Amino acid sequence: MAVTEANTPEFAPQAPQVQDAPDSRPVAGILFLLLATTLFPIQDVIIKSLSGGYAVHQIVFWRGVFALPIVAAIAWLDGTLWPLRLGSIPLQLLRAAAGFSSYLVYYMALAAIGLAETAAITFSTPIFVTMLATVFLGEKIGLFRWFAVFIGLAGVLVIVQPGAGVFEPAAVLALLAAVAYAVSIITTRKLGKRTNGGSMTLFTLVFFITAGAVLGLIFSNLQTESPHPSLAFLYREWAAPSQRDWLLLLALGGISGVGFFALSQAYRLAEASVVTPFEYTYLPWSVFWGWMIFGSLPGMATWIGLSMIVGAGLLIVFREAVKGRRLVRRKGLGILRQR
């Protein structure tokens, strides 16, 4: 669900003996990143295809359940499974809640609008990270980055088209997903070295599972319906999956686990300033699957706005890399870290 630091998705172990190693393998890092950007759009396709018959919180719940053992195994192999290093519990809760909110509204938006439009809007996350960092982290933002922020926000407006006759309210949900994800990134920065990727990922997945179950209990008793696909996706009661759909839910967990591992390897084998630009390859895959599976292609406004958002994100990454910021060079502004 845009350039962020994690999150994310989401599984980015930071074992000192690996992260501080002097050698760098940029080609391997890029290949792992491309693997992740190939897998995660397939996750979007599966969830969009399930959105007509299941509740979004049910899908979040089962995705977390099936991903948890895979992520735990990766953390165990990486040496970050135990002891857990959570740092600040309140910050971990805020980070997990922001990530959960981002994930929830992202897929609510996906139920109503295309894959490419949803992904393009949520890839504005680095813009909101830049803005929030000035308030909560005290970072100084120069004219260059403010220019990038302005271009990116203009690109969002081109896609969302507020006030236009073709305006789709679900586009606002995609924008909220980007903002919530930016909050998750800022919280990750606040946590700093007090935690590690394995601990954060496991804590977040457990939060996802718990929150999905709680929402299921709440909305199963509301008896509320809505004609809008996004709200129907939220209000719907849990349903017993068919054998085919159980396989799709299991695939979601597998994609998440492998995707987390690929992202982890990408950002451990190469500096973030090298691999982060390749996260934007997620977007052409979204266009491709949207056309192949759902028969939809972005309109001209989406292409223009998408280009502006991608350009703004790359400007921010480039400027941070030139400045030699450690957060960008090591932890990064990764878009997909908490997907």
C-alpha atoms as a PDB file:
ATOM      1  CA  MET A   1       0.000   0.000   0.000  1.00  0.00           C
ATOM      2  CA  ALA A   2       3.814   4.177  -1.470  1.00  0.00           C
ATOM      3  CA  VAL A   3       7.874   5.513  -0.576  1.00  0.00           C
ATOM      4  CA  THR A   4       8.055   4.629   3.101  1.00  0.00           C
ATOM      5  CA  GLU A   5      10.435   3.535   5.691  1.00  0.00           C
ATOM      6  CA  ALA A   6       9.518   0.660   7.691  1.00  0.00           C
ATOM      7  CA  ASN A   7       6.850  -0.093   7.183  1.00  0.00           C
ATOM      8  CA  THR A   8       5.221  -1.643   5.456  1.00  0.00           C
ATOM      9  CA  PRO A   9       5.020  -3.368   4.181  1.00  0.00           C
ATOM     10  CA  GLU A  10       6.996  -4.683   6.600  1.00  0.00           C
ATOM     11  CA  PHE A  11       9.575  -7.309   7.433  1.00  0.00           C
ATOM     12  CA  ALA A  12      12.967  -5.634   7.489  1.00  0.00           C
ATOM     13  CA  PRO A  13      15.227  -7.263  10.075  1.00  0.00           C
ATOM     14  CA  GLN A  14      18.132  -5.107  11.110  1.00  0.00           C
ATOM     15  CA  ALA A  15      20.630  -7.498  12.625  1.00  0.00           C
ATOM     16  CA  PRO A  16      23.775  -5.460  13.283  1.00  0.00           C
ATOM     17  CA  GLN A  17      26.120  -8.052  11.885  1.00  0.00           C
ATOM     18  CA  VAL A  18      24.280  -7.907   8.546  1.00  0.00           C
ATOM     19  CA  GLN A  19      23.259  -4.296   8.337  1.00  0.00           C
ATOM     20  CA  ASP A  20      26.640  -2.932   9.249  1.00  0.00           C
ATOM     21  CA  ALA A  21      28.515  -5.167   6.861  1.00  0.00           C
ATOM     22  CA  PRO A  22      30.777  -3.178   4.551  1.00  0.00           C
ATOM     23  CA  ASP A  23      30.008  -5.176   1.414  1.00  0.00           C
ATOM     24  CA  SER A  24      27.052  -4.315  -0.795  1.00  0.00           C
ATOM     25  CA  ARG A  25      25.313  -6.403  -3.438  1.00  0.00           C
ATOM     26  CA  PRO A  26      23.122  -3.932  -5.339  1.00  0.00           C
ATOM     27  CA  VAL A  27      22.190  -6.291  -8.187  1.00  0.00           C
ATOM     28  CA  ALA A  28      20.969  -8.965  -5.765  1.00  0.00           C
ATOM     29  CA  GLY A  29      19.122  -6.326  -3.761  1.00  0.00           C
ATOM     30  CA  ILE A  30      17.376  -5.034  -6.886  1.00  0.00           C
ATOM     31  CA  LEU A  31      16.391  -8.565  -7.938  1.00  0.00           C
ATOM     32  CA  PHE A  32      14.844  -9.265  -4.526  1.00  0.00           C
ATOM     33  CA  LEU A  33      13.005  -5.950  -4.731  1.00  0.00           C
ATOM     34  CA  LEU A  34      11.661  -6.823  -8.184  1.00  0.00           C
ATOM     35  CA  LEU A  35      10.453 -10.159  -6.809  1.00  0.00           C
ATOM     36  CA  ALA A  36       8.458  -8.307  -4.141  1.00  0.00           C
ATOM     37  CA  THR A  37       6.959  -5.839  -6.626  1.00  0.00           C
ATOM     38  CA  THR A  38       5.931  -8.771  -8.801  1.00  0.00           C
ATOM     39  CA  LEU A  39       4.230 -10.636  -5.941  1.00  0.00           C
ATOM     40  CA  PHE A  40       2.350  -7.859  -4.148  1.00  0.00           C
ATOM     41  CA  PRO A  41       0.198  -6.782  -7.138  1.00  0.00           C
ATOM     42  CA  ILE A  42      -0.976 -10.415  -7.321  1.00  0.00           C
ATOM     43  CA  GLN A  43      -2.079 -10.025  -3.700  1.00  0.00           C
ATOM     44  CA  ASP A  44      -4.117  -6.985  -4.776  1.00  0.00           C
ATOM     45  CA  VAL A  45      -5.738  -8.996  -7.565  1.00  0.00           C
ATOM     46  CA  ILE A  46      -6.732 -11.769  -5.156  1.00  0.00           C
ATOM     47  CA  ILE A  47      -8.204  -9.377  -2.610  1.00  0.00           C
ATOM     48  CA  LYS A  48     -10.097  -7.398  -5.244  1.00  0.00           C
ATOM     49  CA  SER A  49     -11.535 -10.644  -6.616  1.00  0.00           C
ATOM     50  CA  LEU A  50     -12.643 -11.666  -3.096  1.00  0.00           C
ATOM     51  CA  SER A  51     -14.119  -8.250  -2.258  1.00  0.00           C
ATOM     52  CA  GLY A  52     -17.549  -9.126  -3.665  1.00  0.00           C
ATOM     53  CA  GLY A  53     -18.182 -12.028  -1.304  1.00  0.00           C
ATOM     54  CA  TYR A  54     -16.189 -11.483   1.880  1.00  0.00           C
ATOM     55  CA  ALA A  55     -15.556  -8.742   4.395  1.00  0.00           C
ATOM     56  CA  VAL A  56     -12.267  -6.862   4.277  1.00  0.00           C
ATOM     57  CA  HIS A  57     -11.595  -7.576   7.962  1.00  0.00           C
ATOM     58  CA  GLN A  58     -12.114 -11.301   7.361  1.00  0.00           C
ATOM     59  CA  ILE A  59      -9.528 -11.235   4.581  1.00  0.00           C
ATOM     60  CA  VAL A  60      -7.108  -9.229   6.765  1.00  0.00           C
ATOM     61  CA  PHE A  61      -7.600 -11.780   9.564  1.00  0.00           C
ATOM     62  CA  TRP A  62      -6.909 -14.880   7.480  1.00  0.00           C
ATOM     63  CA  ARG A  63      -4.089 -13.251   5.591  1.00  0.00           C
ATOM     64  CA  GLY A  64      -2.399 -12.510   8.920  1.00  0.00           C
ATOM     65  CA  VAL A  65      -3.042 -16.010  10.265  1.00  0.00           C
ATOM     66  CA  PHE A  66      -1.472 -17.680   7.238  1.00  0.00           C
ATOM     67  CA  ALA A  67       1.414 -15.202   7.029  1.00  0.00           C
ATOM     68  CA  LEU A  68       2.354 -15.413  10.717  1.00  0.00           C
ATOM     69  CA  PRO A  69       4.130 -18.822  10.683  1.00  0.00           C
ATOM     70  CA  ILE A  70       6.029 -17.893   7.521  1.00  0.00           C
ATOM     71  CA  VAL A  71       7.214 -14.582   8.961  1.00  0.00           C
ATOM     72  CA  ALA A  72       8.045 -16.246  12.307  1.00  0.00           C
ATOM     73  CA  ALA A  73      10.168 -18.832  10.486  1.00  0.00           C
ATOM     74  CA  ILE A  74      12.006 -16.088   8.600  1.00  0.00           C
ATOM     75  CA  ALA A  75      12.595 -14.176  11.849  1.00  0.00           C
ATOM     76  CA  TRP A  76      13.878 -17.366  13.495  1.00  0.00           C
ATOM     77  CA  LEU A  77      16.313 -18.031  10.651  1.00  0.00           C
ATOM     78  CA  ASP A  78      17.399 -14.397  10.800  1.00  0.00           C
ATOM     79  CA  GLY A  79      17.932 -14.502  14.567  1.00  0.00           C
ATOM     80  CA  THR A  80      15.364 -11.794  15.357  1.00  0.00           C
ATOM     81  CA  LEU A  81      12.518 -14.009  16.589  1.00  0.00           C
ATOM     82  CA  TRP A  82      13.570 -14.034  20.244  1.00  0.00           C
ATOM     83  CA  PRO A  83      13.993 -12.130  22.410  1.00  0.00           C
ATOM     84  CA  LEU A  84      11.517  -9.626  21.026  1.00  0.00           C
ATOM     85  CA  ARG A  85      12.799  -6.053  20.925  1.00  0.00           C
ATOM     86  CA  LEU A  86       9.701  -3.893  20.946  1.00  0.00           C
ATOM     87  CA  GLY A  87      11.189  -0.724  22.410  1.00  0.00           C
ATOM     88  CA  SER A  88       8.122   1.369  23.200  1.00  0.00           C
ATOM     89  CA  ILE A  89       4.814  -0.524  23.404  1.00  0.00           C
ATOM     90  CA  PRO A  90       2.708   2.653  22.838  1.00  0.00           C
ATOM     91  CA  LEU A  91       4.719   3.473  19.702  1.00  0.00           C
ATOM     92  CA  GLN A  92       4.433  -0.120  18.493  1.00  0.00           C
ATOM     93  CA  LEU A  93       0.659   0.035  18.996  1.00  0.00           C
ATOM     94  CA  LEU A  94       0.442   3.349  17.133  1.00  0.00           C
ATOM     95  CA  ARG A  95       2.565   1.993  14.305  1.00  0.00           C
ATOM     96  CA  ALA A  96       0.509  -1.200  14.041  1.00  0.00           C
ATOM     97  CA  ALA A  97      -2.790   0.692  14.217  1.00  0.00           C
ATOM     98  CA  ALA A  98      -1.660   3.094  11.497  1.00  0.00           C
ATOM     99  CA  GLY A  99      -0.510   0.192   9.328  1.00  0.00           C
ATOM    100  CA  PHE A 100      -3.764  -1.681   9.892  1.00  0.00           C
ATOM    101  CA  SER A 101      -5.828   1.408   9.057  1.00  0.00           C
ATOM    102  CA  SER A 102      -3.783   1.966   5.920  1.00  0.00           C
ATOM    103  CA  TYR A 103      -4.192  -1.624   4.803  1.00  0.00           C
ATOM    104  CA  LEU A 104      -7.937  -1.633   5.561  1.00  0.00           C
ATOM    105  CA  VAL A 105      -8.862   1.531   3.659  1.00  0.00           C
ATOM    106  CA  TYR A 106      -6.491   0.660   0.804  1.00  0.00           C
ATOM    107  CA  TYR A 107      -8.430  -2.504   0.058  1.00  0.00           C
ATOM    108  CA  MET A 108     -11.757  -0.799   0.647  1.00  0.00           C
ATOM    109  CA  ALA A 109     -10.713   1.601  -2.115  1.00  0.00           C
ATOM    110  CA  LEU A 110      -9.590  -1.297  -4.288  1.00  0.00           C
ATOM    111  CA  ALA A 111     -13.099  -2.772  -4.133  1.00  0.00           C
ATOM    112  CA  ALA A 112     -14.452   0.290  -5.985  1.00  0.00           C
ATOM    113  CA  ILE A 113     -11.664   1.611  -8.228  1.00  0.00           C
ATOM    114  CA  GLY A 114      -8.948   0.080 -10.365  1.00  0.00           C
ATOM    115  CA  LEU A 115      -5.649  -1.411  -9.247  1.00  0.00           C
ATOM    116  CA  ALA A 116      -3.592   1.248 -11.014  1.00  0.00           C
ATOM    117  CA  GLU A 117      -5.593   4.191  -9.640  1.00  0.00           C
ATOM    118  CA  THR A 118      -5.470   2.868  -6.076  1.00  0.00           C
ATOM    119  CA  ALA A 119      -1.750   2.102  -6.212  1.00  0.00           C
ATOM    120  CA  ALA A 120      -0.911   5.441  -7.835  1.00  0.00           C
ATOM    121  CA  ILE A 121      -2.657   7.452  -5.122  1.00  0.00           C
ATOM    122  CA  THR A 122      -1.125   5.472  -2.267  1.00  0.00           C
ATOM    123  CA  PHE A 123       2.337   5.881  -3.758  1.00  0.00           C
ATOM    124  CA  SER A 124       2.081   9.487  -2.586  1.00  0.00           C
ATOM    125  CA  THR A 125       3.163   8.270   0.865  1.00  0.00           C
ATOM    126  CA  PRO A 126       6.696   9.796   0.672  1.00  0.00           C
ATOM    127  CA  ILE A 127       5.082  13.177   0.144  1.00  0.00           C
ATOM    128  CA  PHE A 128       3.169  12.885   3.408  1.00  0.00           C
ATOM    129  CA  VAL A 129       6.227  11.438   5.161  1.00  0.00           C
ATOM    130  CA  THR A 130       8.142  14.567   4.195  1.00  0.00           C
ATOM    131  CA  MET A 131       5.384  16.831   5.489  1.00  0.00           C
ATOM    132  CA  LEU A 132       4.904  14.939   8.772  1.00  0.00           C
ATOM    133  CA  ALA A 133       8.647  14.740   9.408  1.00  0.00           C
ATOM    134  CA  THR A 134       8.799  18.520   9.713  1.00  0.00           C
ATOM    135  CA  VAL A 135       6.234  18.459  12.534  1.00  0.00           C
ATOM    136  CA  PHE A 136       7.002  15.280  14.478  1.00  0.00           C
ATOM    137  CA  LEU A 137      10.708  14.731  13.799  1.00  0.00           C
ATOM    138  CA  GLY A 138      11.855  18.325  13.466  1.00  0.00           C
ATOM    139  CA  GLU A 139      13.450  17.659  10.076  1.00  0.00           C
ATOM    140  CA  LYS A 140      14.295  20.703   8.001  1.00  0.00           C
ATOM    141  CA  ILE A 141      12.808  20.579   4.532  1.00  0.00           C
ATOM    142  CA  GLY A 142      14.432  22.692   1.834  1.00  0.00           C
ATOM    143  CA  LEU A 143      12.856  24.298  -1.218  1.00  0.00           C
ATOM    144  CA  PHE A 144      13.812  21.349  -3.415  1.00  0.00           C
ATOM    145  CA  ARG A 145      11.780  18.865  -1.380  1.00  0.00           C
ATOM    146  CA  TRP A 146       8.896  21.299  -0.894  1.00  0.00           C
ATOM    147  CA  PHE A 147       8.764  21.603  -4.676  1.00  0.00           C
ATOM    148  CA  ALA A 148       8.566  17.806  -4.926  1.00  0.00           C
ATOM    149  CA  VAL A 149       5.773  17.778  -2.331  1.00  0.00           C
ATOM    150  CA  PHE A 150       3.824  20.365  -4.335  1.00  0.00           C
ATOM    151  CA  ILE A 151       4.200  18.371  -7.576  1.00  0.00           C
ATOM    152  CA  GLY A 152       3.162  15.140  -5.853  1.00  0.00           C
ATOM    153  CA  LEU A 153       0.070  16.662  -4.247  1.00  0.00           C
ATOM    154  CA  ALA A 154      -0.897  18.178  -7.596  1.00  0.00           C
ATOM    155  CA  GLY A 155      -0.593  14.698  -9.110  1.00  0.00           C
ATOM    156  CA  VAL A 156      -2.923  13.299  -6.434  1.00  0.00           C
ATOM    157  CA  LEU A 157      -5.493  15.988  -7.235  1.00  0.00           C
ATOM    158  CA  VAL A 158      -5.269  15.173 -10.938  1.00  0.00           C
ATOM    159  CA  ILE A 159      -6.175  11.542 -10.205  1.00  0.00           C
ATOM    160  CA  VAL A 160      -8.762  12.136  -7.468  1.00  0.00           C
ATOM    161  CA  GLN A 161     -10.443  15.047  -9.316  1.00  0.00           C
ATOM    162  CA  PRO A 162     -12.377  16.488  -6.352  1.00  0.00           C
ATOM    163  CA  GLY A 163     -15.493  18.324  -7.413  1.00  0.00           C
ATOM    164  CA  ALA A 164     -15.560  16.710 -10.841  1.00  0.00           C
ATOM    165  CA  GLY A 165     -18.539  14.814 -12.145  1.00  0.00           C
ATOM    166  CA  VAL A 166     -16.451  11.632 -12.324  1.00  0.00           C
ATOM    167  CA  PHE A 167     -15.289  11.920  -8.713  1.00  0.00           C
ATOM    168  CA  GLU A 168     -15.195   8.582  -6.897  1.00  0.00           C
ATOM    169  CA  PRO A 169     -15.265   8.767  -3.066  1.00  0.00           C
ATOM    170  CA  ALA A 170     -13.161   5.592  -2.877  1.00  0.00           C
ATOM    171  CA  ALA A 171     -10.226   7.655  -4.170  1.00  0.00           C
ATOM    172  CA  VAL A 172     -10.281   9.493  -0.846  1.00  0.00           C
ATOM    173  CA  LEU A 173      -9.857   6.131   0.918  1.00  0.00           C
ATOM    174  CA  ALA A 174      -6.705   5.491  -1.122  1.00  0.00           C
ATOM    175  CA  LEU A 175      -5.438   8.922  -0.087  1.00  0.00           C
ATOM    176  CA  LEU A 176      -6.199   8.150   3.570  1.00  0.00           C
ATOM    177  CA  ALA A 177      -4.226   4.914   3.151  1.00  0.00           C
ATOM    178  CA  ALA A 178      -1.190   6.952   2.085  1.00  0.00           C
ATOM    179  CA  VAL A 179      -1.549   9.323   5.056  1.00  0.00           C
ATOM    180  CA  ALA A 180      -1.994   6.469   7.557  1.00  0.00           C
ATOM    181  CA  TYR A 181       1.011   4.694   6.104  1.00  0.00           C
ATOM    182  CA  ALA A 182       3.070   7.863   6.461  1.00  0.00           C
ATOM    183  CA  VAL A 183       2.130   7.955  10.158  1.00  0.00           C
ATOM    184  CA  SER A 184       3.379   4.377  10.446  1.00  0.00           C
ATOM    185  CA  ILE A 185       6.706   5.383   8.897  1.00  0.00           C
ATOM    186  CA  ILE A 186       7.141   8.367  11.187  1.00  0.00           C
ATOM    187  CA  THR A 187       6.441   6.097  14.168  1.00  0.00           C
ATOM    188  CA  THR A 188       9.057   3.650  12.905  1.00  0.00           C
ATOM    189  CA  ARG A 189      11.596   6.454  12.797  1.00  0.00           C
ATOM    190  CA  LYS A 190      10.681   7.418  16.345  1.00  0.00           C
ATOM    191  CA  LEU A 191      11.287   3.837  17.464  1.00  0.00           C
ATOM    192  CA  GLY A 192      14.750   3.947  15.928  1.00  0.00           C
ATOM    193  CA  LYS A 193      17.192   1.278  17.102  1.00  0.00           C
ATOM    194  CA  ARG A 194      15.080   0.273  20.097  1.00  0.00           C
ATOM    195  CA  THR A 195      13.441  -2.416  17.977  1.00  0.00           C
ATOM    196  CA  ASN A 196      14.179  -4.590  14.952  1.00  0.00           C
ATOM    197  CA  GLY A 197      12.357  -5.704  11.832  1.00  0.00           C
ATOM    198  CA  GLY A 198      11.430  -9.147  13.123  1.00  0.00           C
ATOM    199  CA  SER A 199       9.870  -7.828  16.324  1.00  0.00           C
ATOM    200  CA  MET A 200       7.981  -5.077  14.507  1.00  0.00           C
ATOM    201  CA  THR A 201       6.630  -7.439  11.882  1.00  0.00           C
ATOM    202  CA  LEU A 202       5.430 -10.072  14.339  1.00  0.00           C
ATOM    203  CA  PHE A 203       3.829  -7.439  16.580  1.00  0.00           C
ATOM    204  CA  THR A 204       2.088  -5.880  13.580  1.00  0.00           C
ATOM    205  CA  LEU A 205       0.796  -9.194  12.262  1.00  0.00           C
ATOM    206  CA  VAL A 206      -0.640 -10.130  15.665  1.00  0.00           C
ATOM    207  CA  PHE A 207      -2.301  -6.701  15.780  1.00  0.00           C
ATOM    208  CA  PHE A 208      -3.742  -7.257  12.292  1.00  0.00           C
ATOM    209  CA  ILE A 209      -5.181 -10.627  13.310  1.00  0.00           C
ATOM    210  CA  THR A 210      -6.662  -9.250  16.533  1.00  0.00           C
ATOM    211  CA  ALA A 211      -8.098  -6.114  14.934  1.00  0.00           C
ATOM    212  CA  GLY A 212      -9.576  -8.120  12.068  1.00  0.00           C
ATOM    213  CA  ALA A 213     -11.304 -10.443  14.525  1.00  0.00           C
ATOM    214  CA  VAL A 214     -12.653  -7.508  16.581  1.00  0.00           C
ATOM    215  CA  LEU A 215     -14.036  -5.759  13.489  1.00  0.00           C
ATOM    216  CA  GLY A 216     -15.621  -9.035  12.452  1.00  0.00           C
ATOM    217  CA  LEU A 217     -17.455  -9.269  15.773  1.00  0.00           C
ATOM    218  CA  ILE A 218     -18.582  -5.634  15.525  1.00  0.00           C
ATOM    219  CA  PHE A 219     -19.851  -5.625  11.959  1.00  0.00           C
ATOM    220  CA  SER A 220     -21.415  -9.066  12.192  1.00  0.00           C
ATOM    221  CA  ASN A 221     -23.876  -7.592  14.718  1.00  0.00           C
ATOM    222  CA  LEU A 222     -24.588  -4.289  12.954  1.00  0.00           C
ATOM    223  CA  GLN A 223     -26.818  -5.695  10.200  1.00  0.00           C
ATOM    224  CA  THR A 224     -25.831  -2.733   8.009  1.00  0.00           C
ATOM    225  CA  GLU A 225     -25.671  -2.755   4.234  1.00  0.00           C
ATOM    226  CA  SER A 226     -24.429  -0.264   1.679  1.00  0.00           C
ATOM    227  CA  PRO A 227     -24.731  -0.065  -2.105  1.00  0.00           C
ATOM    228  CA  HIS A 228     -21.197   1.325  -2.394  1.00  0.00           C
ATOM    229  CA  PRO A 229     -18.597  -1.438  -2.976  1.00  0.00           C
ATOM    230  CA  SER A 230     -16.104   0.015  -0.463  1.00  0.00           C
ATOM    231  CA  LEU A 231     -18.625   0.245   2.393  1.00  0.00           C
ATOM    232  CA  ALA A 232     -20.176  -3.095   1.501  1.00  0.00           C
ATOM    233  CA  PHE A 233     -16.682  -4.598   1.773  1.00  0.00           C
ATOM    234  CA  LEU A 234     -16.496  -3.230   5.328  1.00  0.00           C
ATOM    235  CA  TYR A 235     -20.052  -3.912   6.533  1.00  0.00           C
ATOM    236  CA  ARG A 236     -20.338  -7.452   5.203  1.00  0.00           C
ATOM    237  CA  GLU A 237     -20.591 -10.323   7.692  1.00  0.00           C
ATOM    238  CA  TRP A 238     -18.031 -13.096   7.684  1.00  0.00           C
ATOM    239  CA  ALA A 239     -18.816 -15.957   5.327  1.00  0.00           C
ATOM    240  CA  ALA A 240     -17.573 -19.524   5.116  1.00  0.00           C
ATOM    241  CA  PRO A 241     -14.983 -19.628   2.299  1.00  0.00           C
ATOM    242  CA  SER A 242     -15.297 -22.197  -0.446  1.00  0.00           C
ATOM    243  CA  GLN A 243     -12.465 -24.628  -1.080  1.00  0.00           C
ATOM    244  CA  ARG A 244     -11.211 -22.409  -3.896  1.00  0.00           C
ATOM    245  CA  ASP A 245     -11.313 -19.309  -1.713  1.00  0.00           C
ATOM    246  CA  TRP A 246      -9.467 -21.066   1.123  1.00  0.00           C
ATOM    247  CA  LEU A 247      -6.673 -21.656  -1.367  1.00  0.00           C
ATOM    248  CA  LEU A 248      -6.722 -17.972  -2.332  1.00  0.00           C
ATOM    249  CA  LEU A 249      -6.562 -16.906   1.331  1.00  0.00           C
ATOM    250  CA  LEU A 250      -3.687 -19.328   1.886  1.00  0.00           C
ATOM    251  CA  ALA A 251      -1.970 -17.822  -1.157  1.00  0.00           C
ATOM    252  CA  LEU A 252      -2.333 -14.360   0.408  1.00  0.00           C
ATOM    253  CA  GLY A 253      -0.407 -15.524   3.453  1.00  0.00           C
ATOM    254  CA  GLY A 254       2.262 -17.124   1.306  1.00  0.00           C
ATOM    255  CA  ILE A 255       2.656 -14.022  -0.855  1.00  0.00           C
ATOM    256  CA  SER A 256       2.943 -11.851   2.255  1.00  0.00           C
ATOM    257  CA  GLY A 257       5.576 -14.061   3.843  1.00  0.00           C
ATOM    258  CA  VAL A 258       7.712 -14.399   0.716  1.00  0.00           C
ATOM    259  CA  GLY A 259       7.214 -10.719  -0.102  1.00  0.00           C
ATOM    260  CA  PHE A 260       8.368  -9.665   3.373  1.00  0.00           C
ATOM    261  CA  PHE A 261      11.455 -11.845   2.991  1.00  0.00           C
ATOM    262  CA  ALA A 262      12.245 -10.413  -0.453  1.00  0.00           C
ATOM    263  CA  LEU A 263      11.919  -6.840   0.847  1.00  0.00           C
ATOM    264  CA  SER A 264      14.109  -7.695   3.817  1.00  0.00           C
ATOM    265  CA  GLN A 265      16.820  -9.071   1.573  1.00  0.00           C
ATOM    266  CA  ALA A 266      16.571  -6.160  -0.863  1.00  0.00           C
ATOM    267  CA  TYR A 267      17.192  -3.551   1.813  1.00  0.00           C
ATOM    268  CA  ARG A 268      19.896  -5.601   3.524  1.00  0.00           C
ATOM    269  CA  LEU A 269      21.924  -6.342   0.408  1.00  0.00           C
ATOM    270  CA  ALA A 270      21.828  -2.826  -1.056  1.00  0.00           C
ATOM    271  CA  GLU A 271      21.362   0.718   0.164  1.00  0.00           C
ATOM    272  CA  ALA A 272      17.838   2.035   0.081  1.00  0.00           C
ATOM    273  CA  SER A 273      18.767   4.861  -2.273  1.00  0.00           C
ATOM    274  CA  VAL A 274      19.681   2.169  -4.816  1.00  0.00           C
ATOM    275  CA  VAL A 275      16.663  -0.145  -4.536  1.00  0.00           C
ATOM    276  CA  THR A 276      13.819   2.215  -3.570  1.00  0.00           C
ATOM    277  CA  PRO A 277      13.313   3.626  -7.109  1.00  0.00           C
ATOM    278  CA  PHE A 278      12.630   0.076  -8.321  1.00  0.00           C
ATOM    279  CA  GLU A 279       9.598  -0.132  -6.021  1.00  0.00           C
ATOM    280  CA  TYR A 280       7.760   1.908  -8.635  1.00  0.00           C
ATOM    281  CA  THR A 281       7.781  -1.170 -10.886  1.00  0.00           C
ATOM    282  CA  TYR A 282       4.789  -2.123  -8.742  1.00  0.00           C
ATOM    283  CA  LEU A 283       2.732   0.348 -10.806  1.00  0.00           C
ATOM    284  CA  PRO A 284       3.104  -1.190 -14.292  1.00  0.00           C
ATOM    285  CA  TRP A 285       2.235  -4.569 -12.778  1.00  0.00           C
ATOM    286  CA  SER A 286      -0.920  -3.011 -11.323  1.00  0.00           C
ATOM    287  CA  VAL A 287      -1.822  -1.657 -14.755  1.00  0.00           C
ATOM    288  CA  PHE A 288      -1.119  -5.037 -16.367  1.00  0.00           C
ATOM    289  CA  TRP A 289      -3.194  -7.104 -13.917  1.00  0.00           C
ATOM    290  CA  GLY A 290      -5.991  -4.555 -13.908  1.00  0.00           C
ATOM    291  CA  TRP A 291      -6.205  -4.939 -17.682  1.00  0.00           C
ATOM    292  CA  MET A 292      -5.716  -8.725 -17.796  1.00  0.00           C
ATOM    293  CA  ILE A 293      -8.075  -9.723 -14.963  1.00  0.00           C
ATOM    294  CA  PHE A 294     -10.598  -6.889 -14.719  1.00  0.00           C
ATOM    295  CA  GLY A 295     -10.438  -5.430 -18.230  1.00  0.00           C
ATOM    296  CA  SER A 296      -9.745  -1.877 -17.036  1.00  0.00           C
ATOM    297  CA  LEU A 297      -7.059   0.577 -18.072  1.00  0.00           C
ATOM    298  CA  PRO A 298      -6.243   3.916 -16.422  1.00  0.00           C
ATOM    299  CA  GLY A 299      -7.579   7.065 -18.041  1.00  0.00           C
ATOM    300  CA  MET A 300      -5.413   9.934 -19.192  1.00  0.00           C
ATOM    301  CA  ALA A 301      -5.840  11.808 -15.883  1.00  0.00           C
ATOM    302  CA  THR A 302      -4.488   8.795 -13.982  1.00  0.00           C
ATOM    303  CA  TRP A 303      -1.457   8.527 -16.257  1.00  0.00           C
ATOM    304  CA  ILE A 304      -0.669  12.218 -15.817  1.00  0.00           C
ATOM    305  CA  GLY A 305      -1.160  12.147 -12.041  1.00  0.00           C
ATOM    306  CA  LEU A 306       0.789   8.907 -11.722  1.00  0.00           C
ATOM    307  CA  SER A 307       3.741  10.431 -13.567  1.00  0.00           C
ATOM    308  CA  MET A 308       3.694  13.472 -11.286  1.00  0.00           C
ATOM    309  CA  ILE A 309       3.537  11.337  -8.114  1.00  0.00           C
ATOM    310  CA  VAL A 310       6.339   9.016  -9.247  1.00  0.00           C
ATOM    311  CA  GLY A 311       8.468  11.986 -10.281  1.00  0.00           C
ATOM    312  CA  ALA A 312       7.934  13.671  -6.912  1.00  0.00           C
ATOM    313  CA  GLY A 313       8.777  10.487  -5.014  1.00  0.00           C
ATOM    314  CA  LEU A 314      11.961   9.950  -6.979  1.00  0.00           C
ATOM    315  CA  LEU A 315      12.962  13.586  -6.438  1.00  0.00           C
ATOM    316  CA  ILE A 316      12.586  13.123  -2.682  1.00  0.00           C
ATOM    317  CA  VAL A 317      14.608   9.890  -2.683  1.00  0.00           C
ATOM    318  CA  PHE A 318      17.295  11.443  -4.877  1.00  0.00           C
ATOM    319  CA  ARG A 319      17.565  14.551  -2.708  1.00  0.00           C
ATOM    320  CA  GLU A 320      17.798  12.502   0.487  1.00  0.00           C
ATOM    321  CA  ALA A 321      20.468  10.294  -1.051  1.00  0.00           C
ATOM    322  CA  VAL A 322      22.499  13.301  -2.200  1.00  0.00           C
ATOM    323  CA  LYS A 323      22.271  14.736   1.301  1.00  0.00           C
ATOM    324  CA  GLY A 324      23.646  11.437   2.599  1.00  0.00           C
ATOM    325  CA  ARG A 325      20.876  10.958   5.120  1.00  0.00           C
ATOM    326  CA  ARG A 326      21.474   7.737   7.023  1.00  0.00           C
ATOM    327  CA  LEU A 327      17.763   6.978   7.253  1.00  0.00           C
ATOM    328  CA  VAL A 328      17.484   6.916   3.508  1.00  0.00           C
ATOM    329  CA  ARG A 329      20.761   5.171   2.853  1.00  0.00           C
ATOM    330  CA  ARG A 330      20.178   2.397   5.370  1.00  0.00           C
ATOM    331  CA  LYS A 331      16.594   2.165   6.561  1.00  0.00           C
ATOM    332  CA  GLY A 332      15.192   3.790   3.483  1.00  0.00           C
ATOM    333  CA  LEU A 333      11.928   5.259   2.396  1.00  0.00           C
ATOM    334  CA  GLY A 334      10.663   1.912   1.122  1.00  0.00           C
ATOM    335  CA  ILE A 335       7.155   2.025  -0.334  1.00  0.00           C
ATOM    336  CA  LEU A 336       6.082  -1.544   0.207  1.00  0.00           C
ATOM    337  CA  ARG A 337       7.620  -2.387   3.561  1.00  0.00           C
ATOM    338  CA  GLN A 338       4.296  -3.056   5.281  1.00  0.00           C
ATOM    339  CA  ARG A 339       2.216  -4.521   2.511  1.00  0.00           C
END
